[in-house]
PDB file of all heavy atoms in Angstrom:
ATOM      1  N   PRO A   1      93.200 120.620  40.385  1.00  0.00           N
ATOM      2  CA  PRO A   1      92.543 119.668  39.481  1.00  0.00           C
ATOM      3  C   PRO A   1      91.411 120.287  38.599  1.00  0.00           C
ATOM      4  O   PRO A   1      91.196 119.850  37.471  1.00  0.00           O
ATOM      5  CB  PRO A   1      91.984 118.600  40.421  1.00  0.00           C
ATOM      6  CG  PRO A   1      92.849 118.639  41.639  1.00  0.00           C
ATOM      7  CD  PRO A   1      93.146 120.132  41.768  1.00  0.00           C
ATOM      8  N   TYR A   2      90.723 121.259  39.167  1.00  0.00           N
ATOM      9  CA  TYR A   2      89.706 121.900  38.359  1.00  0.00           C
ATOM     10  C   TYR A   2      90.286 122.656  37.182  1.00  0.00           C
ATOM     11  O   TYR A   2      89.725 122.437  36.036  1.00  0.00           O
ATOM     12  CB  TYR A   2      88.986 122.934  39.242  1.00  0.00           C
ATOM     13  CG  TYR A   2      88.035 123.912  38.511  1.00  0.00           C
ATOM     14  CD1 TYR A   2      86.937 123.357  37.941  1.00  0.00           C
ATOM     15  CD2 TYR A   2      88.331 125.207  38.256  1.00  0.00           C
ATOM     16  CE1 TYR A   2      85.975 124.167  37.242  1.00  0.00           C
ATOM     17  CE2 TYR A   2      87.423 126.040  37.575  1.00  0.00           C
ATOM     18  CZ  TYR A   2      86.278 125.509  37.042  1.00  0.00           C
ATOM     19  OH  TYR A   2      85.498 126.271  36.308  1.00  0.00           O
ATOM     20  N   TRP A   3      91.425 123.239  37.290  1.00  0.00           N
ATOM     21  CA  TRP A   3      92.047 123.932  36.197  1.00  0.00           C
ATOM     22  C   TRP A   3      92.712 122.964  35.194  1.00  0.00           C
ATOM     23  O   TRP A   3      92.704 123.211  34.007  1.00  0.00           O
ATOM     24  CB  TRP A   3      93.076 125.011  36.645  1.00  0.00           C
ATOM     25  CG  TRP A   3      92.344 126.198  37.092  1.00  0.00           C
ATOM     26  CD1 TRP A   3      92.076 126.569  38.421  1.00  0.00           C
ATOM     27  CD2 TRP A   3      91.689 127.214  36.229  1.00  0.00           C
ATOM     28  NE1 TRP A   3      91.383 127.736  38.444  1.00  0.00           N
ATOM     29  CE2 TRP A   3      91.148 128.161  37.106  1.00  0.00           C
ATOM     30  CE3 TRP A   3      91.640 127.385  34.850  1.00  0.00           C
ATOM     31  CZ2 TRP A   3      90.509 129.309  36.592  1.00  0.00           C
ATOM     32  CZ3 TRP A   3      91.010 128.505  34.449  1.00  0.00           C
ATOM     33  CH2 TRP A   3      90.380 129.394  35.281  1.00  0.00           C
ATOM     34  N   TRP A   4      93.111 121.820  35.751  1.00  0.00           N
ATOM     35  CA  TRP A   4      93.543 120.803  34.776  1.00  0.00           C
ATOM     36  C   TRP A   4      92.394 120.219  33.935  1.00  0.00           C
ATOM     37  O   TRP A   4      92.586 120.055  32.781  1.00  0.00           O
ATOM     38  CB  TRP A   4      94.274 119.603  35.580  1.00  0.00           C
ATOM     39  CG  TRP A   4      95.457 120.090  36.335  1.00  0.00           C
ATOM     40  CD1 TRP A   4      96.245 121.145  36.051  1.00  0.00           C
ATOM     41  CD2 TRP A   4      96.052 119.363  37.450  1.00  0.00           C
ATOM     42  NE1 TRP A   4      97.260 121.230  36.944  1.00  0.00           N
ATOM     43  CE2 TRP A   4      97.190 120.195  37.830  1.00  0.00           C
ATOM     44  CE3 TRP A   4      95.767 118.227  38.101  1.00  0.00           C
ATOM     45  CZ2 TRP A   4      98.042 119.808  38.909  1.00  0.00           C
ATOM     46  CZ3 TRP A   4      96.598 117.875  39.139  1.00  0.00           C
ATOM     47  CH2 TRP A   4      97.733 118.682  39.495  1.00  0.00           C
ATOM     48  N   ILE A   5      91.301 120.043  34.574  1.00  0.00           N
ATOM     49  CA  ILE A   5      90.119 119.632  33.854  1.00  0.00           C
ATOM     50  C   ILE A   5      89.737 120.674  32.806  1.00  0.00           C
ATOM     51  O   ILE A   5      89.453 120.349  31.594  1.00  0.00           O
ATOM     52  CB  ILE A   5      88.900 119.344  34.762  1.00  0.00           C
ATOM     53  CG1 ILE A   5      89.180 118.149  35.629  1.00  0.00           C
ATOM     54  CG2 ILE A   5      87.630 119.120  34.006  1.00  0.00           C
ATOM     55  CD1 ILE A   5      88.198 118.008  36.798  1.00  0.00           C
ATOM     56  N   LYS A   6      89.668 121.869  33.229  1.00  0.00           N
ATOM     57  CA  LYS A   6      89.349 122.981  32.279  1.00  0.00           C
ATOM     58  C   LYS A   6      90.339 123.015  31.082  1.00  0.00           C
ATOM     59  O   LYS A   6      89.837 123.196  29.914  1.00  0.00           O
ATOM     60  CB  LYS A   6      89.396 124.309  33.006  1.00  0.00           C
ATOM     61  CG  LYS A   6      88.256 124.519  34.016  1.00  0.00           C
ATOM     62  CD  LYS A   6      87.083 125.206  33.334  1.00  0.00           C
ATOM     63  CE  LYS A   6      87.378 126.656  33.132  1.00  0.00           C
ATOM     64  NZ  LYS A   6      86.213 127.267  32.451  1.00  0.00           N
ATOM     65  N   CYS A   7      91.556 122.914  31.353  1.00  0.00           N
ATOM     66  CA  CYS A   7      92.601 122.901  30.271  1.00  0.00           C
ATOM     67  C   CYS A   7      92.364 121.695  29.325  1.00  0.00           C
ATOM     68  O   CYS A   7      92.585 121.775  28.093  1.00  0.00           O
ATOM     69  CB  CYS A   7      93.975 122.970  30.858  1.00  0.00           C
ATOM     70  SG  CYS A   7      94.411 124.547  31.592  1.00  0.00           S
ATOM     71  N   ALA A   8      92.001 120.570  29.863  1.00  0.00           N
ATOM     72  CA  ALA A   8      91.850 119.368  29.093  1.00  0.00           C
ATOM     73  C   ALA A   8      90.652 119.393  28.237  1.00  0.00           C
ATOM     74  O   ALA A   8      90.660 118.937  27.070  1.00  0.00           O
ATOM     75  CB  ALA A   8      91.864 118.195  29.997  1.00  0.00           C
ATOM     76  N   VAL A   9      89.546 120.054  28.697  1.00  0.00           N
ATOM     77  CA  VAL A   9      88.258 119.975  27.952  1.00  0.00           C
ATOM     78  C   VAL A   9      87.995 121.310  27.205  1.00  0.00           C
ATOM     79  O   VAL A   9      87.092 121.402  26.392  1.00  0.00           O
ATOM     80  CB  VAL A   9      87.070 119.739  28.869  1.00  0.00           C
ATOM     81  CG1 VAL A   9      87.249 118.386  29.644  1.00  0.00           C
ATOM     82  CG2 VAL A   9      86.802 120.822  29.824  1.00  0.00           C
ATOM     83  N   GLY A  10      88.864 122.322  27.461  1.00  0.00           N
ATOM     84  CA  GLY A  10      88.694 123.611  26.864  1.00  0.00           C
ATOM     85  C   GLY A  10      88.424 124.675  27.897  1.00  0.00           C
ATOM     86  O   GLY A  10      87.495 124.567  28.692  1.00  0.00           O
ATOM     87  N   VAL A  11      89.385 125.651  27.958  1.00  0.00           N
ATOM     88  CA  VAL A  11      89.323 126.599  29.094  1.00  0.00           C
ATOM     89  C   VAL A  11      88.050 127.430  29.143  1.00  0.00           C
ATOM     90  O   VAL A  11      87.655 127.930  30.186  1.00  0.00           O
ATOM     91  CB  VAL A  11      90.517 127.536  29.023  1.00  0.00           C
ATOM     92  CG1 VAL A  11      91.790 126.817  29.405  1.00  0.00           C
ATOM     93  CG2 VAL A  11      90.655 128.223  27.742  1.00  0.00           C
ATOM     94  N   ASN A  12      87.355 127.505  28.001  1.00  0.00           N
ATOM     95  CA  ASN A  12      86.102 128.354  27.973  1.00  0.00           C
ATOM     96  C   ASN A  12      84.880 127.399  27.980  1.00  0.00           C
ATOM     97  O   ASN A  12      83.763 127.906  27.871  1.00  0.00           O
ATOM     98  CB  ASN A  12      86.070 129.210  26.754  1.00  0.00           C
ATOM     99  CG  ASN A  12      87.180 130.269  26.853  1.00  0.00           C
ATOM    100  OD1 ASN A  12      87.423 130.920  27.844  1.00  0.00           O
ATOM    101  ND2 ASN A  12      87.906 130.463  25.737  1.00  0.00           N
ATOM    102  N   ASN A  13      85.107 126.073  28.147  1.00  0.00           N
ATOM    103  CA  ASN A  13      83.972 125.162  28.028  1.00  0.00           C
ATOM    104  C   ASN A  13      83.417 124.918  29.452  1.00  0.00           C
ATOM    105  O   ASN A  13      83.611 123.845  30.035  1.00  0.00           O
ATOM    106  CB  ASN A  13      84.527 123.831  27.388  1.00  0.00           C
ATOM    107  CG  ASN A  13      83.364 122.848  27.153  1.00  0.00           C
ATOM    108  OD1 ASN A  13      82.147 123.220  27.284  1.00  0.00           O
ATOM    109  ND2 ASN A  13      83.639 121.663  26.679  1.00  0.00           N
ATOM    110  N   ASP A  14      82.718 125.909  30.006  1.00  0.00           N
ATOM    111  CA  ASP A  14      82.211 125.805  31.338  1.00  0.00           C
ATOM    112  C   ASP A  14      81.069 124.847  31.458  1.00  0.00           C
ATOM    113  O   ASP A  14      80.740 124.399  32.563  1.00  0.00           O
ATOM    114  CB  ASP A  14      81.714 127.163  31.811  1.00  0.00           C
ATOM    115  CG  ASP A  14      82.914 128.133  31.991  1.00  0.00           C
ATOM    116  OD1 ASP A  14      84.023 127.682  32.240  1.00  0.00           O
ATOM    117  OD2 ASP A  14      82.639 129.414  31.846  1.00  0.00           O
ATOM    118  N   ASP A  15      80.497 124.454  30.316  1.00  0.00           N
ATOM    119  CA  ASP A  15      79.341 123.550  30.356  1.00  0.00           C
ATOM    120  C   ASP A  15      79.686 122.068  30.203  1.00  0.00           C
ATOM    121  O   ASP A  15      78.862 121.198  30.272  1.00  0.00           O
ATOM    122  CB  ASP A  15      78.358 123.929  29.183  1.00  0.00           C
ATOM    123  CG  ASP A  15      77.697 125.221  29.376  1.00  0.00           C
ATOM    124  OD1 ASP A  15      77.417 125.578  30.555  1.00  0.00           O
ATOM    125  OD2 ASP A  15      77.454 125.914  28.420  1.00  0.00           O
ATOM    126  N   HIS A  16      80.994 121.798  30.092  1.00  0.00           N
ATOM    127  CA  HIS A  16      81.390 120.399  30.081  1.00  0.00           C
ATOM    128  C   HIS A  16      81.022 119.723  31.434  1.00  0.00           C
ATOM    129  O   HIS A  16      81.235 120.272  32.508  1.00  0.00           O
ATOM    130  CB  HIS A  16      82.913 120.209  29.886  1.00  0.00           C
ATOM    131  CG  HIS A  16      83.412 118.843  29.683  1.00  0.00           C
ATOM    132  ND1 HIS A  16      83.578 117.993  30.674  1.00  0.00           N
ATOM    133  CD2 HIS A  16      83.655 118.200  28.503  1.00  0.00           C
ATOM    134  CE1 HIS A  16      83.994 116.807  30.172  1.00  0.00           C
ATOM    135  NE2 HIS A  16      84.031 116.914  28.844  1.00  0.00           N
ATOM    136  N   PRO A  17      80.365 118.542  31.341  1.00  0.00           N
ATOM    137  CA  PRO A  17      79.828 117.899  32.615  1.00  0.00           C
ATOM    138  C   PRO A  17      80.897 117.776  33.762  1.00  0.00           C
ATOM    139  O   PRO A  17      80.608 118.020  34.855  1.00  0.00           O
ATOM    140  CB  PRO A  17      79.320 116.579  32.136  1.00  0.00           C
ATOM    141  CG  PRO A  17      79.033 116.759  30.719  1.00  0.00           C
ATOM    142  CD  PRO A  17      80.056 117.749  30.181  1.00  0.00           C
ATOM    143  N   LEU A  18      82.136 117.378  33.403  1.00  0.00           N
ATOM    144  CA  LEU A  18      83.162 117.181  34.408  1.00  0.00           C
ATOM    145  C   LEU A  18      83.552 118.501  35.066  1.00  0.00           C
ATOM    146  O   LEU A  18      83.623 118.644  36.320  1.00  0.00           O
ATOM    147  CB  LEU A  18      84.341 116.504  33.820  1.00  0.00           C
ATOM    148  CG  LEU A  18      85.385 115.997  34.789  1.00  0.00           C
ATOM    149  CD1 LEU A  18      84.731 115.167  35.879  1.00  0.00           C
ATOM    150  CD2 LEU A  18      86.489 115.280  34.001  1.00  0.00           C
ATOM    151  N   ALA A  19      83.805 119.518  34.181  1.00  0.00           N
ATOM    152  CA  ALA A  19      84.172 120.800  34.716  1.00  0.00           C
ATOM    153  C   ALA A  19      83.042 121.423  35.580  1.00  0.00           C
ATOM    154  O   ALA A  19      83.273 122.021  36.584  1.00  0.00           O
ATOM    155  CB  ALA A  19      84.556 121.761  33.508  1.00  0.00           C
ATOM    156  N   LYS A  20      81.815 121.236  35.084  1.00  0.00           N
ATOM    157  CA  LYS A  20      80.669 121.770  35.780  1.00  0.00           C
ATOM    158  C   LYS A  20      80.499 121.171  37.119  1.00  0.00           C
ATOM    159  O   LYS A  20      80.273 121.822  38.127  1.00  0.00           O
ATOM    160  CB  LYS A  20      79.410 121.630  34.922  1.00  0.00           C
ATOM    161  CG  LYS A  20      78.276 122.454  35.353  1.00  0.00           C
ATOM    162  CD  LYS A  20      77.104 122.308  34.343  1.00  0.00           C
ATOM    163  CE  LYS A  20      75.895 123.171  34.675  1.00  0.00           C
ATOM    164  NZ  LYS A  20      74.878 123.201  33.685  1.00  0.00           N
ATOM    165  N   ALA A  21      80.718 119.791  37.170  1.00  0.00           N
ATOM    166  CA  ALA A  21      80.497 119.149  38.443  1.00  0.00           C
ATOM    167  C   ALA A  21      81.574 119.575  39.428  1.00  0.00           C
ATOM    168  O   ALA A  21      81.292 119.721  40.656  1.00  0.00           O
ATOM    169  CB  ALA A  21      80.482 117.628  38.165  1.00  0.00           C
ATOM    170  N   TYR A  22      82.882 119.596  39.027  1.00  0.00           N
ATOM    171  CA  TYR A  22      83.865 119.979  39.916  1.00  0.00           C
ATOM    172  C   TYR A  22      83.704 121.447  40.398  1.00  0.00           C
ATOM    173  O   TYR A  22      84.044 121.695  41.608  1.00  0.00           O
ATOM    174  CB  TYR A  22      85.277 119.837  39.176  1.00  0.00           C
ATOM    175  CG  TYR A  22      86.381 119.641  40.181  1.00  0.00           C
ATOM    176  CD1 TYR A  22      87.054 118.448  40.396  1.00  0.00           C
ATOM    177  CD2 TYR A  22      86.807 120.779  40.959  1.00  0.00           C
ATOM    178  CE1 TYR A  22      88.068 118.218  41.297  1.00  0.00           C
ATOM    179  CE2 TYR A  22      87.895 120.606  41.819  1.00  0.00           C
ATOM    180  CZ  TYR A  22      88.462 119.388  42.040  1.00  0.00           C
ATOM    181  OH  TYR A  22      89.418 119.243  42.953  1.00  0.00           O
ATOM    182  N   HIS A  23      83.242 122.295  39.553  1.00  0.00           N
ATOM    183  CA  HIS A  23      82.997 123.692  39.947  1.00  0.00           C
ATOM    184  C   HIS A  23      82.011 123.694  41.005  1.00  0.00           C
ATOM    185  O   HIS A  23      82.056 124.510  42.063  1.00  0.00           O
ATOM    186  CB  HIS A  23      82.600 124.517  38.744  1.00  0.00           C
ATOM    187  CG  HIS A  23      82.368 125.955  39.051  1.00  0.00           C
ATOM    188  ND1 HIS A  23      81.088 126.521  39.357  1.00  0.00           N
ATOM    189  CD2 HIS A  23      83.274 126.984  39.167  1.00  0.00           C
ATOM    190  CE1 HIS A  23      81.306 127.845  39.635  1.00  0.00           C
ATOM    191  NE2 HIS A  23      82.510 128.070  39.509  1.00  0.00           N
ATOM    192  N   GLN A  24      80.914 122.921  40.902  1.00  0.00           N
ATOM    193  CA  GLN A  24      79.858 122.927  41.928  1.00  0.00           C
ATOM    194  C   GLN A  24      80.450 122.382  43.282  1.00  0.00           C
ATOM    195  O   GLN A  24      80.052 122.894  44.371  1.00  0.00           O
ATOM    196  CB  GLN A  24      78.752 121.984  41.497  1.00  0.00           C
ATOM    197  CG  GLN A  24      77.952 122.530  40.322  1.00  0.00           C
ATOM    198  CD  GLN A  24      76.915 121.575  39.807  1.00  0.00           C
ATOM    199  OE1 GLN A  24      76.943 120.366  40.015  1.00  0.00           O
ATOM    200  NE2 GLN A  24      75.960 122.089  39.041  1.00  0.00           N
ATOM    201  N   VAL A  25      81.396 121.490  43.185  1.00  0.00           N
ATOM    202  CA  VAL A  25      82.024 120.956  44.463  1.00  0.00           C
ATOM    203  C   VAL A  25      82.861 122.105  45.109  1.00  0.00           C
ATOM    204  O   VAL A  25      82.803 122.305  46.378  1.00  0.00           O
ATOM    205  CB  VAL A  25      82.892 119.820  44.162  1.00  0.00           C
ATOM    206  CG1 VAL A  25      83.815 119.460  45.412  1.00  0.00           C
ATOM    207  CG2 VAL A  25      82.146 118.568  43.781  1.00  0.00           C
ATOM    208  N   LEU A  26      83.545 122.870  44.296  1.00  0.00           N
ATOM    209  CA  LEU A  26      84.332 124.026  44.709  1.00  0.00           C
ATOM    210  C   LEU A  26      83.450 125.036  45.423  1.00  0.00           C
ATOM    211  O   LEU A  26      83.767 125.608  46.471  1.00  0.00           O
ATOM    212  CB  LEU A  26      85.194 124.602  43.657  1.00  0.00           C
ATOM    213  CG  LEU A  26      86.370 123.654  43.186  1.00  0.00           C
ATOM    214  CD1 LEU A  26      87.124 124.448  42.026  1.00  0.00           C
ATOM    215  CD2 LEU A  26      87.351 123.328  44.258  1.00  0.00           C
ATOM    216  N   VAL A  27      82.356 125.349  44.801  1.00  0.00           N
ATOM    217  CA  VAL A  27      81.434 126.357  45.361  1.00  0.00           C
ATOM    218  C   VAL A  27      80.887 125.858  46.675  1.00  0.00           C
ATOM    219  O   VAL A  27      80.812 126.702  47.636  1.00  0.00           O
ATOM    220  CB  VAL A  27      80.253 126.651  44.321  1.00  0.00           C
ATOM    221  CG1 VAL A  27      79.269 127.548  45.023  1.00  0.00           C
ATOM    222  CG2 VAL A  27      80.835 127.341  43.100  1.00  0.00           C
ATOM    223  N   TRP A  28      80.443 124.614  46.702  1.00  0.00           N
ATOM    224  CA  TRP A  28      80.000 124.013  48.003  1.00  0.00           C
ATOM    225  C   TRP A  28      81.047 124.147  49.074  1.00  0.00           C
ATOM    226  O   TRP A  28      80.812 124.481  50.276  1.00  0.00           O
ATOM    227  CB  TRP A  28      79.559 122.585  47.709  1.00  0.00           C
ATOM    228  CG  TRP A  28      79.329 121.776  48.982  1.00  0.00           C
ATOM    229  CD1 TRP A  28      78.188 121.824  49.690  1.00  0.00           C
ATOM    230  CD2 TRP A  28      80.190 120.918  49.581  1.00  0.00           C
ATOM    231  NE1 TRP A  28      78.304 121.031  50.806  1.00  0.00           N
ATOM    232  CE2 TRP A  28      79.509 120.374  50.748  1.00  0.00           C
ATOM    233  CE3 TRP A  28      81.513 120.410  49.294  1.00  0.00           C
ATOM    234  CZ2 TRP A  28      80.108 119.455  51.558  1.00  0.00           C
ATOM    235  CZ3 TRP A  28      82.065 119.510  50.125  1.00  0.00           C
ATOM    236  CH2 TRP A  28      81.369 118.989  51.240  1.00  0.00           C
ATOM    237  N   ASP A  29      82.308 123.840  48.671  1.00  0.00           N
ATOM    238  CA  ASP A  29      83.379 123.885  49.680  1.00  0.00           C
ATOM    239  C   ASP A  29      83.577 125.311  50.145  1.00  0.00           C
ATOM    240  O   ASP A  29      83.758 125.539  51.376  1.00  0.00           O
ATOM    241  CB  ASP A  29      84.645 123.336  49.012  1.00  0.00           C
ATOM    242  CG  ASP A  29      85.843 123.525  49.974  1.00  0.00           C
ATOM    243  OD1 ASP A  29      85.820 122.960  51.070  1.00  0.00           O
ATOM    244  OD2 ASP A  29      86.788 124.193  49.556  1.00  0.00           O
ATOM    245  N   ILE A  30      83.624 126.322  49.281  1.00  0.00           N
ATOM    246  CA  ILE A  30      83.767 127.656  49.685  1.00  0.00           C
ATOM    247  C   ILE A  30      82.706 128.148  50.618  1.00  0.00           C
ATOM    248  O   ILE A  30      82.895 128.907  51.599  1.00  0.00           O
ATOM    249  CB  ILE A  30      83.888 128.580  48.445  1.00  0.00           C
ATOM    250  CG1 ILE A  30      85.187 128.256  47.675  1.00  0.00           C
ATOM    251  CG2 ILE A  30      83.818 130.084  48.840  1.00  0.00           C
ATOM    252  CD1 ILE A  30      85.229 128.881  46.259  1.00  0.00           C
ATOM    253  N   MET A  31      81.448 127.739  50.297  1.00  0.00           N
ATOM    254  CA  MET A  31      80.298 128.197  51.147  1.00  0.00           C
ATOM    255  C   MET A  31      80.257 127.510  52.456  1.00  0.00           C
ATOM    256  O   MET A  31      79.919 128.117  53.485  1.00  0.00           O
ATOM    257  CB  MET A  31      79.063 127.984  50.328  1.00  0.00           C
ATOM    258  CG  MET A  31      78.912 128.744  49.015  1.00  0.00           C
ATOM    259  SD  MET A  31      78.994 130.508  49.293  1.00  0.00           S
ATOM    260  CE  MET A  31      77.397 130.848  50.122  1.00  0.00           C
ATOM    261  N   LYS A  32      80.459 126.202  52.434  1.00  0.00           N
ATOM    262  CA  LYS A  32      80.246 125.408  53.673  1.00  0.00           C
ATOM    263  C   LYS A  32      81.496 125.163  54.509  1.00  0.00           C
ATOM    264  O   LYS A  32      81.424 124.946  55.746  1.00  0.00           O
ATOM    265  CB  LYS A  32      79.645 124.045  53.237  1.00  0.00           C
ATOM    266  CG  LYS A  32      78.292 124.128  52.551  1.00  0.00           C
ATOM    267  CD  LYS A  32      77.278 124.759  53.409  1.00  0.00           C
ATOM    268  CE  LYS A  32      75.897 124.686  52.730  1.00  0.00           C
ATOM    269  NZ  LYS A  32      74.790 125.336  53.563  1.00  0.00           N
ATOM    270  N   ARG A  33      82.648 125.127  53.843  1.00  0.00           N
ATOM    271  CA  ARG A  33      83.923 124.843  54.545  1.00  0.00           C
ATOM    272  C   ARG A  33      83.887 123.683  55.449  1.00  0.00           C
ATOM    273  O   ARG A  33      84.201 123.841  56.683  1.00  0.00           O
ATOM    274  CB  ARG A  33      84.454 126.145  55.254  1.00  0.00           C
ATOM    275  CG  ARG A  33      84.579 127.312  54.316  1.00  0.00           C
ATOM    276  CD  ARG A  33      85.288 128.469  55.003  1.00  0.00           C
ATOM    277  NE  ARG A  33      86.599 128.131  55.471  1.00  0.00           N
ATOM    278  CZ  ARG A  33      87.720 128.140  54.714  1.00  0.00           C
ATOM    279  NH1 ARG A  33      87.593 128.390  53.411  1.00  0.00           N
ATOM    280  NH2 ARG A  33      88.912 127.809  55.225  1.00  0.00           N
ATOM    281  N   PRO A  34      83.576 122.526  54.948  1.00  0.00           N
ATOM    282  CA  PRO A  34      83.439 121.335  55.799  1.00  0.00           C
ATOM    283  C   PRO A  34      84.878 120.884  56.277  1.00  0.00           C
ATOM    284  O   PRO A  34      85.855 121.198  55.563  1.00  0.00           O
ATOM    285  CB  PRO A  34      82.803 120.256  54.984  1.00  0.00           C
ATOM    286  CG  PRO A  34      83.135 120.741  53.583  1.00  0.00           C
ATOM    287  CD  PRO A  34      83.140 122.194  53.580  1.00  0.00           C
ATOM    288  N   LEU A  35      84.913 120.266  57.414  1.00  0.00           N
ATOM    289  CA  LEU A  35      86.183 119.822  58.003  1.00  0.00           C
ATOM    290  C   LEU A  35      86.932 118.887  57.042  1.00  0.00           C
ATOM    291  O   LEU A  35      88.150 118.929  56.897  1.00  0.00           O
ATOM    292  CB  LEU A  35      85.905 119.103  59.355  1.00  0.00           C
ATOM    293  CG  LEU A  35      87.197 118.580  60.034  1.00  0.00           C
ATOM    294  CD1 LEU A  35      88.205 119.675  60.327  1.00  0.00           C
ATOM    295  CD2 LEU A  35      86.759 117.830  61.289  1.00  0.00           C
ATOM    296  N   ALA A  36      86.200 117.980  56.341  1.00  0.00           N
ATOM    297  CA  ALA A  36      86.822 116.960  55.501  1.00  0.00           C
ATOM    298  C   ALA A  36      87.684 117.640  54.412  1.00  0.00           C
ATOM    299  O   ALA A  36      88.845 117.294  54.092  1.00  0.00           O
ATOM    300  CB  ALA A  36      85.797 116.011  54.899  1.00  0.00           C
ATOM    301  N   THR A  37      87.075 118.693  53.705  1.00  0.00           N
ATOM    302  CA  THR A  37      87.807 119.344  52.671  1.00  0.00           C
ATOM    303  C   THR A  37      88.874 120.238  53.196  1.00  0.00           C
ATOM    304  O   THR A  37      89.909 120.439  52.573  1.00  0.00           O
ATOM    305  CB  THR A  37      86.798 120.181  51.755  1.00  0.00           C
ATOM    306  OG1 THR A  37      86.100 121.096  52.502  1.00  0.00           O
ATOM    307  CG2 THR A  37      85.895 119.238  51.039  1.00  0.00           C
ATOM    308  N   ARG A  38      88.707 120.848  54.403  1.00  0.00           N
ATOM    309  CA  ARG A  38      89.797 121.550  55.004  1.00  0.00           C
ATOM    310  C   ARG A  38      90.990 120.741  55.232  1.00  0.00           C
ATOM    311  O   ARG A  38      92.109 121.132  54.968  1.00  0.00           O
ATOM    312  CB  ARG A  38      89.269 122.223  56.325  1.00  0.00           C
ATOM    313  CG  ARG A  38      88.175 123.259  56.155  1.00  0.00           C
ATOM    314  CD  ARG A  38      88.608 124.540  55.626  1.00  0.00           C
ATOM    315  NE  ARG A  38      89.148 124.611  54.287  1.00  0.00           N
ATOM    316  CZ  ARG A  38      88.464 124.524  53.125  1.00  0.00           C
ATOM    317  NH1 ARG A  38      87.280 124.523  53.151  1.00  0.00           N
ATOM    318  NH2 ARG A  38      89.006 124.507  52.026  1.00  0.00           N
ATOM    319  N   LEU A  39      90.764 119.569  55.790  1.00  0.00           N
ATOM    320  CA  LEU A  39      91.879 118.641  56.020  1.00  0.00           C
ATOM    321  C   LEU A  39      92.501 118.146  54.767  1.00  0.00           C
ATOM    322  O   LEU A  39      93.728 118.093  54.626  1.00  0.00           O
ATOM    323  CB  LEU A  39      91.383 117.385  56.846  1.00  0.00           C
ATOM    324  CG  LEU A  39      90.963 117.756  58.285  1.00  0.00           C
ATOM    325  CD1 LEU A  39      90.348 116.541  58.928  1.00  0.00           C
ATOM    326  CD2 LEU A  39      92.059 118.328  59.144  1.00  0.00           C
ATOM    327  N   ALA A  40      91.703 117.820  53.713  1.00  0.00           N
ATOM    328  CA  ALA A  40      92.221 117.458  52.416  1.00  0.00           C
ATOM    329  C   ALA A  40      93.066 118.488  51.797  1.00  0.00           C
ATOM    330  O   ALA A  40      94.190 118.280  51.291  1.00  0.00           O
ATOM    331  CB  ALA A  40      91.072 117.106  51.508  1.00  0.00           C
ATOM    332  N   GLU A  41      92.609 119.751  51.911  1.00  0.00           N
ATOM    333  CA  GLU A  41      93.399 120.828  51.245  1.00  0.00           C
ATOM    334  C   GLU A  41      94.695 121.018  52.046  1.00  0.00           C
ATOM    335  O   GLU A  41      95.720 121.385  51.459  1.00  0.00           O
ATOM    336  CB  GLU A  41      92.579 122.134  51.294  1.00  0.00           C
ATOM    337  CG  GLU A  41      93.237 123.221  50.487  1.00  0.00           C
ATOM    338  CD  GLU A  41      92.224 124.240  49.910  1.00  0.00           C
ATOM    339  OE1 GLU A  41      91.662 124.960  50.657  1.00  0.00           O
ATOM    340  OE2 GLU A  41      92.075 124.246  48.666  1.00  0.00           O
TER     341      GLU A  41
END
């Protein structure tokens, strides 16, 4: 979904609010690896 958002708003538009917010979620997931996102994935 992150890449779909990037493609929709511009692949180089890292400052778009939606792309930026989703990226922060992914970074949080990679760092913390919570059970909820592991199960979702």
